[in-house]
Amino acid sequence: MATKRSKPSNIIPLANTNQVDDTLLKIAQLKTELKRINADAEESINKIRNGAKNTAEPILAEIEKFGTSIFAYAEYNRSNLFGKVKTIMLTFGSLGYRQSTKISVSKKTLDALKEMDMLDCISIKEAVNKDVLSTYPDELIKQAGAKKVVEDKFWYEVKEEEIVNTKNKVAAA
């Protein structure tokens, strides 16, 4: 069954390779302009980030100082404050201790788990390796429930450095 193709509505008719080359020039110029815009935006963003970081640093340092002070108070008075409770509710917040458990592993852990046949403790991610599958014959690929799709993809590239060099020559003249 033939597929129906629709024509894009935003086509500029090109009659020959000279017009195509001119169009590639325009694309290169536009890409250069986009790079300039993005570079300017990134520079502005970095200035704002640095300004915000500088403004925030003393505030973060003060928060850290207050938090450390609260922790020191809680540690020093732990037996009095947290004898029967783990959390103290105050007017403007709460503080306390939570039991936390984590597993610390060494370089030997994975091998030891394998030797102990504790395979349920090992994560294995299964996924189709398409690069390897593509090296197999089409018949085997089909038997595996996959298919090889071959298509011609149109491409173009612009010589952006030529545009920069042309602009520099024009600006120098």
Protein backbone atom coordinates (compact mmCIF):
# COMPACT_ATOMS: atom_id res chain seq x y z
CA MET A 1 0.00 0.00 0.00
CA ALA A 2 1.48 3.32 -1.05
CA THR A 3 1.79 6.07 1.53
CA LYS A 4 0.37 9.45 0.69
CA ARG A 5 2.92 12.24 0.96
CA SER A 6 1.89 15.77 1.72
CA LYS A 7 3.87 18.74 0.53
CA PRO A 8 5.19 21.09 3.17
CA SER A 9 3.70 24.54 2.90
CA ASN A 10 6.84 26.47 3.80
CA ILE A 11 9.01 25.60 0.79
CA ILE A 12 11.06 28.21 -1.02
CA PRO A 13 11.38 27.06 -4.63
CA LEU A 14 15.02 26.52 -5.66
CA ALA A 15 15.76 26.24 -9.36
CA ASN A 16 19.45 25.31 -9.42
CA THR A 17 22.50 24.45 -7.31
CA ASN A 18 23.54 28.12 -7.15
CA GLN A 19 20.28 28.89 -5.36
CA VAL A 20 20.83 25.86 -3.11
CA ASP A 21 24.33 27.14 -2.32
CA ASP A 22 22.91 30.61 -1.54
CA THR A 23 20.35 28.96 0.73
CA LEU A 24 23.13 27.06 2.52
CA LEU A 25 24.89 30.42 3.02
CA LYS A 26 21.72 31.87 4.55
CA ILE A 27 21.36 28.85 6.85
CA ALA A 28 25.00 29.20 7.94
CA GLN A 29 24.47 32.91 8.63
CA LEU A 30 21.34 32.16 10.65
CA LYS A 31 23.11 29.42 12.62
CA THR A 32 25.96 31.82 13.35
CA GLU A 33 23.42 34.37 14.57
CA LEU A 34 21.78 31.71 16.79
CA LYS A 35 25.16 30.85 18.28
CA ARG A 36 25.77 34.52 19.03
CA ILE A 37 22.33 34.86 20.63
CA ASN A 38 22.88 31.74 22.73
CA ALA A 39 26.36 32.88 23.76
CA ASP A 40 24.99 36.29 24.80
CA ALA A 41 22.18 34.59 26.73
CA GLU A 42 24.62 32.22 28.44
CA GLU A 43 26.84 35.15 29.40
CA SER A 44 23.85 37.01 30.88
CA ILE A 45 22.67 33.89 32.71
CA ASN A 46 26.16 33.33 34.17
CA LYS A 47 26.29 36.96 35.37
CA ILE A 48 22.89 36.53 37.05
CA ARG A 49 23.94 33.18 38.59
CA ASN A 50 27.17 34.66 39.94
CA GLY A 51 25.30 37.64 41.34
CA ALA A 52 22.71 35.40 42.96
CA LYS A 53 25.45 33.12 44.34
CA ASN A 54 27.28 36.07 45.84
CA THR A 55 24.06 37.41 47.35
CA ALA A 56 23.04 33.97 48.66
CA GLU A 57 26.42 32.98 50.19
CA PRO A 58 26.08 35.00 53.41
CA ILE A 59 22.49 33.85 53.82
CA LEU A 60 23.46 30.19 53.34
CA ALA A 61 26.37 30.65 55.78
CA GLU A 62 24.01 32.09 58.38
CA ILE A 63 21.52 29.23 57.90
CA GLU A 64 24.41 26.75 58.29
CA LYS A 65 25.57 28.54 61.47
CA PHE A 66 22.03 28.41 62.95
CA GLY A 67 21.61 24.76 61.99
CA THR A 68 24.95 23.85 63.56
CA SER A 69 23.97 25.73 66.70
CA ILE A 70 20.66 23.83 66.95
CA PHE A 71 22.50 20.53 66.38
CA ALA A 72 25.06 21.39 69.12
CA TYR A 73 22.22 22.25 71.53
CA ALA A 74 20.40 18.99 70.71
CA GLU A 75 23.56 16.90 71.11
CA TYR A 76 24.49 18.54 74.43
CA ASN A 77 20.94 18.12 75.81
CA ARG A 78 20.08 14.86 74.03
CA SER A 79 19.34 12.80 77.14
CA ASN A 80 17.07 15.50 78.61
CA LEU A 81 15.27 16.42 75.38
CA PHE A 82 14.91 13.05 73.68
CA GLY A 83 14.63 10.59 76.54
CA LYS A 84 11.25 9.15 75.53
CA VAL A 85 10.59 10.96 72.23
CA LYS A 86 12.46 11.23 68.96
CA THR A 87 10.91 14.54 67.87
CA ILE A 88 10.25 17.80 69.68
CA MET A 89 7.57 20.04 68.20
CA LEU A 90 8.16 23.76 68.73
CA THR A 91 6.23 26.84 67.63
CA PHE A 92 8.42 27.53 64.58
CA GLY A 93 9.52 24.03 63.66
CA SER A 94 10.61 20.70 65.01
CA LEU A 95 13.81 18.85 65.68
CA GLY A 96 14.77 15.33 66.51
CA TYR A 97 16.60 12.20 65.54
CA ARG A 98 15.57 9.69 62.91
CA GLN A 99 17.02 6.26 62.71
CA SER A 100 18.77 5.87 59.39
CA THR A 101 20.19 2.69 57.95
CA LYS A 102 22.37 2.40 54.88
CA ILE A 103 24.49 -0.31 53.36
CA SER A 104 28.15 0.37 52.80
CA VAL A 105 29.74 -1.91 50.19
CA SER A 106 33.33 -2.62 49.28
CA LYS A 107 34.97 -3.69 46.05
CA LYS A 108 34.62 -7.32 47.18
CA THR A 109 30.86 -7.18 47.82
CA LEU A 110 29.68 -8.00 44.28
CA ASP A 111 31.95 -11.03 43.97
CA ALA A 112 30.99 -12.22 47.45
CA LEU A 113 27.26 -11.94 46.63
CA LYS A 114 27.82 -14.04 43.50
CA GLU A 115 29.76 -16.69 45.45
CA MET A 116 27.03 -16.80 48.10
CA ASP A 117 24.40 -17.21 45.36
CA MET A 118 22.60 -14.04 46.54
CA LEU A 119 21.77 -13.03 42.98
CA ASP A 120 18.60 -11.22 44.09
CA CYS A 121 20.91 -8.60 45.63
CA ILE A 122 22.49 -7.83 42.25
CA SER A 123 20.88 -5.44 39.78
CA ILE A 124 21.03 -6.47 36.14
CA LYS A 125 19.44 -4.29 33.48
CA GLU A 126 18.33 -6.17 30.38
CA ALA A 127 17.97 -4.28 27.13
CA VAL A 128 18.28 -5.06 23.44
CA ASN A 129 21.69 -4.11 22.08
CA LYS A 130 20.59 -2.83 18.68
CA ASP A 131 24.15 -2.28 17.48
CA VAL A 132 25.02 -5.94 17.97
CA LEU A 133 21.63 -7.13 16.66
CA SER A 134 22.19 -5.17 13.44
CA THR A 135 25.23 -7.34 12.67
CA TYR A 136 23.10 -10.49 12.44
CA PRO A 137 21.48 -11.74 9.21
CA ASP A 138 18.03 -10.37 8.39
CA GLU A 139 16.49 -13.83 8.84
CA LEU A 140 17.64 -14.07 12.46
CA ILE A 141 16.61 -10.50 13.16
CA LYS A 142 13.12 -11.32 11.86
CA GLN A 143 12.95 -14.49 13.98
CA ALA A 144 13.74 -12.33 17.01
CA GLY A 145 10.66 -10.21 16.30
CA ALA A 146 12.65 -7.25 15.04
CA LYS A 147 13.29 -5.83 11.62
CA LYS A 148 16.00 -3.85 9.92
CA VAL A 149 14.70 -0.58 8.52
CA VAL A 150 16.90 0.93 5.83
CA GLU A 151 16.10 4.40 4.60
CA ASP A 152 17.81 7.26 2.84
CA LYS A 153 17.95 10.21 5.17
CA PHE A 154 18.43 13.60 3.58
CA TRP A 155 21.11 15.77 5.11
CA TYR A 156 22.94 18.99 4.52
CA GLU A 157 25.72 20.82 6.26
CA VAL A 158 26.86 24.38 6.11
CA LYS A 159 30.40 25.67 6.19
CA GLU A 160 30.00 28.02 9.13
CA GLU A 161 33.71 28.77 9.36
CA GLU A 162 33.55 30.08 5.79
CA ILE A 163 30.84 32.51 6.88
CA VAL A 164 32.92 33.70 9.85
CA ASN A 165 35.96 34.14 7.62
CA THR A 166 33.88 36.04 5.03
CA LYS A 167 32.45 38.32 7.74
CA ASN A 168 35.96 38.95 9.13
CA LYS A 169 37.30 39.83 5.66
CA VAL A 170 34.37 42.20 5.01
CA ALA A 171 34.78 43.83 8.44
CA ALA A 172 38.53 44.28 7.88
CA ALA A 173 38.03 45.91 4.48
